[in-house]
Amino acid sequence: MPRYFFHLISPEERSDDESGCELPNAERAYLEVYQAALDISFEMLRTRRDPSALRFEVMNDNGDLLFDLPFVEALRPTRRVATTSDLHTKLHRGFNRQRELTSALRDQFQRTKSTIQETRDLLARPLPR
């Protein structure tokens, strides 16, 4: 079963989830993190602290960011809760963006390797006399 990590982010600090949670899929991870955001928010509101600047980043075993959930999203009843279809769309957009960035990084890495090799070749040439 996949493991998901819920990292709590505030403007001042980041609290990484070291152990994670085994869940059947990303949809279930979203529901779990949504409930956790509500629970934390309610507790903070009881002590007169504002949870609106907090958010969760949900990562997979590989450290890939799957999605994030701002507490404001969980606290605003006028906003509709994301449906499974919405979550799939958001996840696919994130995966596609990650693929694009990975591809761009690979291209840049290859260009850099090529430039380094060209520089080495130039430096290896004997100086004209």
N, C-alpha and C. Protein backbone atom coordinates (compact mmCIF):
# COMPACT_ATOMS: atom_id res chain seq x y z
N MET A 1 0.85 -1.17 0.00
CA MET A 1 0.00 0.00 0.00
C MET A 1 0.90 1.24 0.00
N PRO A 2 0.55 2.25 -0.79
CA PRO A 2 1.39 3.46 -0.85
C PRO A 2 1.43 4.21 0.48
N ARG A 3 2.53 4.91 0.70
CA ARG A 3 2.70 5.71 1.91
C ARG A 3 2.65 7.18 1.50
N TYR A 4 1.90 7.97 2.29
CA TYR A 4 1.75 9.40 2.04
C TYR A 4 2.26 10.17 3.26
N PHE A 5 2.88 11.29 3.00
CA PHE A 5 3.45 12.12 4.06
C PHE A 5 2.75 13.47 4.07
N PHE A 6 2.28 13.89 5.24
CA PHE A 6 1.55 15.14 5.39
C PHE A 6 2.46 16.14 6.11
N HIS A 7 3.11 17.01 5.37
CA HIS A 7 4.00 18.01 5.96
C HIS A 7 3.19 19.27 6.28
N LEU A 8 3.27 19.71 7.52
CA LEU A 8 2.54 20.90 7.96
C LEU A 8 3.42 22.12 7.75
N ILE A 9 2.89 23.09 7.00
CA ILE A 9 3.65 24.28 6.65
C ILE A 9 2.97 25.51 7.24
N SER A 10 3.77 26.34 7.91
CA SER A 10 3.27 27.63 8.40
C SER A 10 4.23 28.69 7.87
N PRO A 11 3.87 29.97 7.98
CA PRO A 11 4.79 31.01 7.50
C PRO A 11 6.14 31.00 8.22
N GLU A 12 6.15 30.51 9.45
CA GLU A 12 7.39 30.52 10.24
C GLU A 12 8.21 29.25 10.15
N GLU A 13 7.54 28.12 9.92
CA GLU A 13 8.28 26.86 9.97
C GLU A 13 7.60 25.76 9.16
N ARG A 14 8.32 24.66 9.06
CA ARG A 14 7.83 23.48 8.36
C ARG A 14 8.00 22.30 9.30
N SER A 15 6.96 21.51 9.46
CA SER A 15 7.01 20.32 10.31
C SER A 15 6.82 19.11 9.40
N ASP A 16 7.91 18.40 9.15
CA ASP A 16 7.85 17.25 8.26
C ASP A 16 7.28 16.01 8.96
N ASP A 17 6.45 15.32 8.24
CA ASP A 17 5.88 14.06 8.70
C ASP A 17 6.91 12.98 8.38
N GLU A 18 7.58 12.47 9.39
CA GLU A 18 8.66 11.51 9.18
C GLU A 18 8.16 10.08 8.96
N SER A 19 7.01 9.74 9.53
CA SER A 19 6.55 8.35 9.45
C SER A 19 5.57 8.11 8.31
N GLY A 20 4.79 9.09 7.94
CA GLY A 20 3.83 8.91 6.86
C GLY A 20 2.66 8.03 7.27
N CYS A 21 1.81 7.76 6.29
CA CYS A 21 0.60 7.02 6.54
C CYS A 21 0.30 6.15 5.33
N GLU A 22 0.09 4.87 5.56
CA GLU A 22 -0.25 3.97 4.44
C GLU A 22 -1.73 4.11 4.14
N LEU A 23 -2.03 4.46 2.89
CA LEU A 23 -3.41 4.64 2.46
C LEU A 23 -3.57 4.02 1.07
N PRO A 24 -4.78 3.62 0.70
CA PRO A 24 -4.97 2.93 -0.57
C PRO A 24 -4.71 3.79 -1.81
N ASN A 25 -4.94 5.13 -1.71
CA ASN A 25 -4.77 5.98 -2.89
C ASN A 25 -4.72 7.45 -2.49
N ALA A 26 -4.46 8.30 -3.48
CA ALA A 26 -4.33 9.74 -3.23
C ALA A 26 -5.66 10.36 -2.80
N GLU A 27 -6.75 9.82 -3.27
CA GLU A 27 -8.06 10.33 -2.85
C GLU A 27 -8.24 10.18 -1.35
N ARG A 28 -7.87 9.02 -0.86
CA ARG A 28 -8.00 8.78 0.59
C ARG A 28 -7.04 9.69 1.35
N ALA A 29 -5.85 9.92 0.79
CA ALA A 29 -4.88 10.84 1.42
C ALA A 29 -5.49 12.24 1.50
N TYR A 30 -6.17 12.66 0.44
CA TYR A 30 -6.81 13.97 0.45
C TYR A 30 -7.87 14.05 1.56
N LEU A 31 -8.68 13.04 1.67
CA LEU A 31 -9.72 13.04 2.71
C LEU A 31 -9.12 13.06 4.11
N GLU A 32 -8.04 12.31 4.30
CA GLU A 32 -7.37 12.27 5.61
C GLU A 32 -6.76 13.64 5.95
N VAL A 33 -6.08 14.24 4.99
CA VAL A 33 -5.42 15.52 5.26
C VAL A 33 -6.47 16.62 5.44
N TYR A 34 -7.58 16.51 4.74
CA TYR A 34 -8.68 17.48 4.89
C TYR A 34 -9.21 17.42 6.32
N GLN A 35 -9.44 16.21 6.82
CA GLN A 35 -9.94 16.06 8.19
C GLN A 35 -8.90 16.54 9.20
N ALA A 36 -7.64 16.25 8.96
CA ALA A 36 -6.58 16.70 9.86
C ALA A 36 -6.53 18.23 9.90
N ALA A 37 -6.69 18.87 8.75
CA ALA A 37 -6.70 20.33 8.70
C ALA A 37 -7.86 20.89 9.52
N LEU A 38 -9.01 20.26 9.40
CA LEU A 38 -10.17 20.70 10.20
C LEU A 38 -9.91 20.52 11.69
N ASP A 39 -9.39 19.36 12.07
CA ASP A 39 -9.14 19.08 13.49
C ASP A 39 -8.14 20.08 14.09
N ILE A 40 -7.06 20.32 13.37
CA ILE A 40 -6.04 21.26 13.86
C ILE A 40 -6.63 22.67 13.93
N SER A 41 -7.38 23.03 12.90
CA SER A 41 -7.98 24.38 12.86
C SER A 41 -8.93 24.59 14.04
N PHE A 42 -9.78 23.61 14.30
CA PHE A 42 -10.73 23.75 15.41
C PHE A 42 -9.99 23.90 16.74
N GLU A 43 -8.94 23.12 16.91
CA GLU A 43 -8.17 23.21 18.15
C GLU A 43 -7.50 24.58 18.28
N MET A 44 -6.97 25.09 17.18
CA MET A 44 -6.34 26.41 17.21
C MET A 44 -7.37 27.50 17.50
N LEU A 45 -8.54 27.40 16.89
CA LEU A 45 -9.58 28.40 17.11
C LEU A 45 -10.06 28.40 18.57
N ARG A 46 -10.06 27.23 19.18
CA ARG A 46 -10.44 27.15 20.61
C ARG A 46 -9.47 27.95 21.47
N THR A 47 -8.21 28.01 21.05
CA THR A 47 -7.20 28.76 21.82
C THR A 47 -6.95 30.14 21.23
N ARG A 48 -7.90 30.59 20.40
CA ARG A 48 -7.88 31.92 19.81
C ARG A 48 -6.66 32.19 18.93
N ARG A 49 -6.24 31.15 18.20
CA ARG A 49 -5.15 31.30 17.22
C ARG A 49 -5.74 31.12 15.83
N ASP A 50 -5.18 31.82 14.88
CA ASP A 50 -5.68 31.81 13.50
C ASP A 50 -4.97 30.74 12.67
N PRO A 51 -5.68 29.74 12.18
CA PRO A 51 -5.06 28.67 11.39
C PRO A 51 -5.00 28.97 9.88
N SER A 52 -5.48 30.14 9.46
CA SER A 52 -5.66 30.40 8.03
C SER A 52 -4.35 30.42 7.22
N ALA A 53 -3.22 30.62 7.86
CA ALA A 53 -1.95 30.67 7.11
C ALA A 53 -1.30 29.29 6.99
N LEU A 54 -1.88 28.28 7.62
CA LEU A 54 -1.30 26.93 7.58
C LEU A 54 -1.73 26.19 6.32
N ARG A 55 -0.94 25.20 5.96
CA ARG A 55 -1.30 24.33 4.85
C ARG A 55 -0.57 23.01 5.02
N PHE A 56 -1.08 21.99 4.37
CA PHE A 56 -0.42 20.70 4.30
C PHE A 56 0.13 20.50 2.90
N GLU A 57 1.33 19.95 2.82
CA GLU A 57 1.87 19.45 1.56
C GLU A 57 1.81 17.92 1.66
N VAL A 58 1.23 17.29 0.67
CA VAL A 58 1.11 15.83 0.68
C VAL A 58 2.09 15.27 -0.35
N MET A 59 2.99 14.43 0.13
CA MET A 59 4.05 13.86 -0.70
C MET A 59 3.90 12.34 -0.75
N ASN A 60 4.44 11.74 -1.80
CA ASN A 60 4.45 10.28 -1.89
C ASN A 60 5.78 9.75 -1.37
N ASP A 61 5.99 8.44 -1.48
CA ASP A 61 7.23 7.80 -1.01
C ASP A 61 8.48 8.35 -1.68
N ASN A 62 8.34 8.79 -2.93
CA ASN A 62 9.49 9.31 -3.69
C ASN A 62 9.79 10.76 -3.36
N GLY A 63 8.99 11.37 -2.50
CA GLY A 63 9.19 12.78 -2.17
C GLY A 63 8.56 13.72 -3.18
N ASP A 64 7.70 13.19 -4.07
CA ASP A 64 7.02 14.03 -5.04
C ASP A 64 5.83 14.71 -4.38
N LEU A 65 5.68 16.00 -4.64
CA LEU A 65 4.52 16.73 -4.13
C LEU A 65 3.31 16.32 -4.96
N LEU A 66 2.31 15.74 -4.30
CA LEU A 66 1.09 15.34 -4.99
C LEU A 66 0.08 16.48 -5.02
N PHE A 67 -0.10 17.12 -3.87
CA PHE A 67 -0.99 18.27 -3.80
C PHE A 67 -0.77 18.96 -2.47
N ASP A 68 -1.28 20.17 -2.36
CA ASP A 68 -1.25 20.82 -1.07
C ASP A 68 -2.66 21.26 -0.72
N LEU A 69 -2.90 21.39 0.58
CA LEU A 69 -4.22 21.77 1.05
C LEU A 69 -4.07 22.94 2.03
N PRO A 70 -4.40 24.15 1.58
CA PRO A 70 -4.42 25.27 2.51
C PRO A 70 -5.56 25.08 3.51
N PHE A 71 -5.32 25.39 4.76
CA PHE A 71 -6.36 25.22 5.77
C PHE A 71 -7.59 26.06 5.42
N VAL A 72 -7.36 27.20 4.79
CA VAL A 72 -8.47 28.07 4.39
C VAL A 72 -9.45 27.30 3.51
N GLU A 73 -8.93 26.44 2.66
CA GLU A 73 -9.78 25.65 1.77
C GLU A 73 -10.70 24.73 2.57
N ALA A 74 -10.18 24.18 3.65
CA ALA A 74 -10.99 23.29 4.48
C ALA A 74 -11.96 24.06 5.38
N LEU A 75 -11.61 25.31 5.71
CA LEU A 75 -12.41 26.07 6.67
C LEU A 75 -13.57 26.85 6.06
N ARG A 76 -13.51 27.13 4.78
CA ARG A 76 -14.55 27.95 4.16
C ARG A 76 -15.72 27.09 3.70
N PRO A 77 -16.83 27.14 4.41
CA PRO A 77 -17.97 26.30 4.03
C PRO A 77 -18.60 26.72 2.71
N THR A 78 -18.39 27.95 2.27
CA THR A 78 -18.98 28.40 1.01
C THR A 78 -18.27 27.82 -0.19
N ARG A 79 -17.06 27.39 0.01
CA ARG A 79 -16.32 26.74 -1.07
C ARG A 79 -16.70 25.28 -1.09
N ARG A 80 -16.89 24.76 -2.27
CA ARG A 80 -17.29 23.35 -2.35
C ARG A 80 -16.08 22.46 -2.11
N VAL A 81 -16.32 21.33 -1.53
CA VAL A 81 -15.27 20.34 -1.30
C VAL A 81 -14.95 19.70 -2.65
N ALA A 82 -13.70 19.49 -2.89
CA ALA A 82 -13.28 18.91 -4.16
C ALA A 82 -13.88 17.52 -4.34
N THR A 83 -14.38 17.27 -5.52
CA THR A 83 -14.90 15.94 -5.84
C THR A 83 -13.73 15.05 -6.25
N THR A 84 -14.02 13.79 -6.39
CA THR A 84 -12.99 12.85 -6.85
C THR A 84 -12.47 13.28 -8.22
N SER A 85 -13.37 13.71 -9.07
CA SER A 85 -12.97 14.16 -10.41
C SER A 85 -12.06 15.38 -10.32
N ASP A 86 -12.40 16.33 -9.43
CA ASP A 86 -11.56 17.52 -9.24
C ASP A 86 -10.18 17.12 -8.75
N LEU A 87 -10.16 16.18 -7.81
CA LEU A 87 -8.88 15.74 -7.26
C LEU A 87 -8.04 15.06 -8.33
N HIS A 88 -8.67 14.21 -9.14
CA HIS A 88 -7.93 13.56 -10.23
C HIS A 88 -7.37 14.60 -11.18
N THR A 89 -8.16 15.59 -11.52
CA THR A 89 -7.71 16.64 -12.43
C THR A 89 -6.52 17.39 -11.83
N LYS A 90 -6.62 17.73 -10.57
CA LYS A 90 -5.53 18.44 -9.89
C LYS A 90 -4.27 17.58 -9.84
N LEU A 91 -4.44 16.31 -9.53
CA LEU A 91 -3.29 15.40 -9.48
C LEU A 91 -2.65 15.24 -10.86
N HIS A 92 -3.47 15.08 -11.89
CA HIS A 92 -2.93 14.94 -13.25
C HIS A 92 -2.19 16.20 -13.68
N ARG A 93 -2.74 17.36 -13.35
CA ARG A 93 -2.04 18.61 -13.67
C ARG A 93 -0.69 18.66 -12.98
N GLY A 94 -0.67 18.25 -11.71
CA GLY A 94 0.59 18.25 -10.97
C GLY A 94 1.60 17.27 -11.55
N PHE A 95 1.13 16.06 -11.90
CA PHE A 95 2.03 15.07 -12.50
C PHE A 95 2.55 15.55 -13.85
N ASN A 96 1.67 16.13 -14.67
CA ASN A 96 2.10 16.64 -15.98
C ASN A 96 3.11 17.76 -15.82
N ARG A 97 2.87 18.66 -14.87
CA ARG A 97 3.82 19.75 -14.62
C ARG A 97 5.16 19.18 -14.16
N GLN A 98 5.11 18.17 -13.31
CA GLN A 98 6.34 17.54 -12.84
C GLN A 98 7.10 16.91 -14.01
N ARG A 99 6.38 16.24 -14.91
CA ARG A 99 7.02 15.65 -16.09
C ARG A 99 7.68 16.72 -16.95
N GLU A 100 6.96 17.83 -17.16
CA GLU A 100 7.51 18.93 -17.96
C GLU A 100 8.79 19.48 -17.33
N LEU A 101 8.74 19.70 -16.03
CA LEU A 101 9.91 20.24 -15.33
C LEU A 101 11.08 19.26 -15.34
N THR A 102 10.78 17.98 -15.16
CA THR A 102 11.82 16.96 -15.21
C THR A 102 12.46 16.91 -16.59
N SER A 103 11.64 16.98 -17.63
CA SER A 103 12.16 16.98 -19.00
C SER A 103 13.03 18.21 -19.26
N ALA A 104 12.56 19.36 -18.83
CA ALA A 104 13.34 20.60 -19.01
C ALA A 104 14.65 20.52 -18.25
N LEU A 105 14.62 19.94 -17.06
CA LEU A 105 15.84 19.78 -16.27
C LEU A 105 16.82 18.84 -16.95
N ARG A 106 16.30 17.73 -17.50
CA ARG A 106 17.17 16.80 -18.23
C ARG A 106 17.81 17.48 -19.44
N ASP A 107 17.01 18.25 -20.20
CA ASP A 107 17.54 18.96 -21.36
C ASP A 107 18.64 19.93 -20.95
N GLN A 108 18.38 20.67 -19.88
CA GLN A 108 19.39 21.63 -19.40
C GLN A 108 20.64 20.90 -18.93
N PHE A 109 20.46 19.78 -18.27
CA PHE A 109 21.60 18.99 -17.80
C PHE A 109 22.44 18.52 -18.99
N GLN A 110 21.78 18.04 -20.05
CA GLN A 110 22.51 17.59 -21.25
C GLN A 110 23.26 18.75 -21.90
N ARG A 111 22.61 19.91 -21.98
CA ARG A 111 23.29 21.09 -22.55
C ARG A 111 24.50 21.46 -21.71
N THR A 112 24.36 21.38 -20.41
CA THR A 112 25.46 21.73 -19.51
C THR A 112 26.61 20.74 -19.68
N LYS A 113 26.27 19.44 -19.75
CA LYS A 113 27.30 18.43 -19.98
C LYS A 113 28.03 18.69 -21.29
N SER A 114 27.29 19.03 -22.32
CA SER A 114 27.88 19.31 -23.63
C SER A 114 28.81 20.53 -23.56
N THR A 115 28.37 21.57 -22.88
CA THR A 115 29.19 22.77 -22.73
C THR A 115 30.47 22.46 -21.95
N ILE A 116 30.35 21.66 -20.91
CA ILE A 116 31.54 21.28 -20.13
C ILE A 116 32.51 20.48 -20.99
N GLN A 117 31.98 19.55 -21.79
CA GLN A 117 32.85 18.76 -22.66
C GLN A 117 33.54 19.64 -23.70
N GLU A 118 32.81 20.58 -24.30
CA GLU A 118 33.40 21.51 -25.26
C GLU A 118 34.50 22.34 -24.61
N THR A 119 34.25 22.76 -23.37
CA THR A 119 35.25 23.54 -22.63
C THR A 119 36.49 22.69 -22.37
N ARG A 120 36.30 21.45 -21.97
CA ARG A 120 37.44 20.55 -21.74
C ARG A 120 38.23 20.34 -23.03
N ASP A 121 37.53 20.15 -24.14
CA ASP A 121 38.20 19.96 -25.43
C ASP A 121 39.01 21.20 -25.80
N LEU A 122 38.46 22.37 -25.58
CA LEU A 122 39.18 23.60 -25.88
C LEU A 122 40.41 23.75 -24.98
N LEU A 123 40.25 23.41 -23.72
CA LEU A 123 41.38 23.53 -22.79
C LEU A 123 42.47 22.49 -23.09
N ALA A 124 42.09 21.38 -23.69
CA ALA A 124 43.07 20.33 -24.00
C ALA A 124 43.88 20.65 -25.24
N ARG A 125 43.42 21.57 -26.05
CA ARG A 125 44.17 21.93 -27.27
C ARG A 125 45.47 22.63 -26.92
N PRO A 126 46.49 22.34 -27.69
CA PRO A 126 47.75 23.06 -27.42
C PRO A 126 47.62 24.51 -27.84
N LEU A 127 48.31 25.35 -27.12
CA LEU A 127 48.29 26.78 -27.43
C LEU A 127 49.10 27.02 -28.71
N PRO A 128 48.61 27.92 -29.57
CA PRO A 128 49.38 28.24 -30.78
C PRO A 128 50.67 28.97 -30.41
N ARG A 129 51.71 28.71 -31.19
CA ARG A 129 53.01 29.35 -30.90
C ARG A 129 53.29 30.45 -31.84
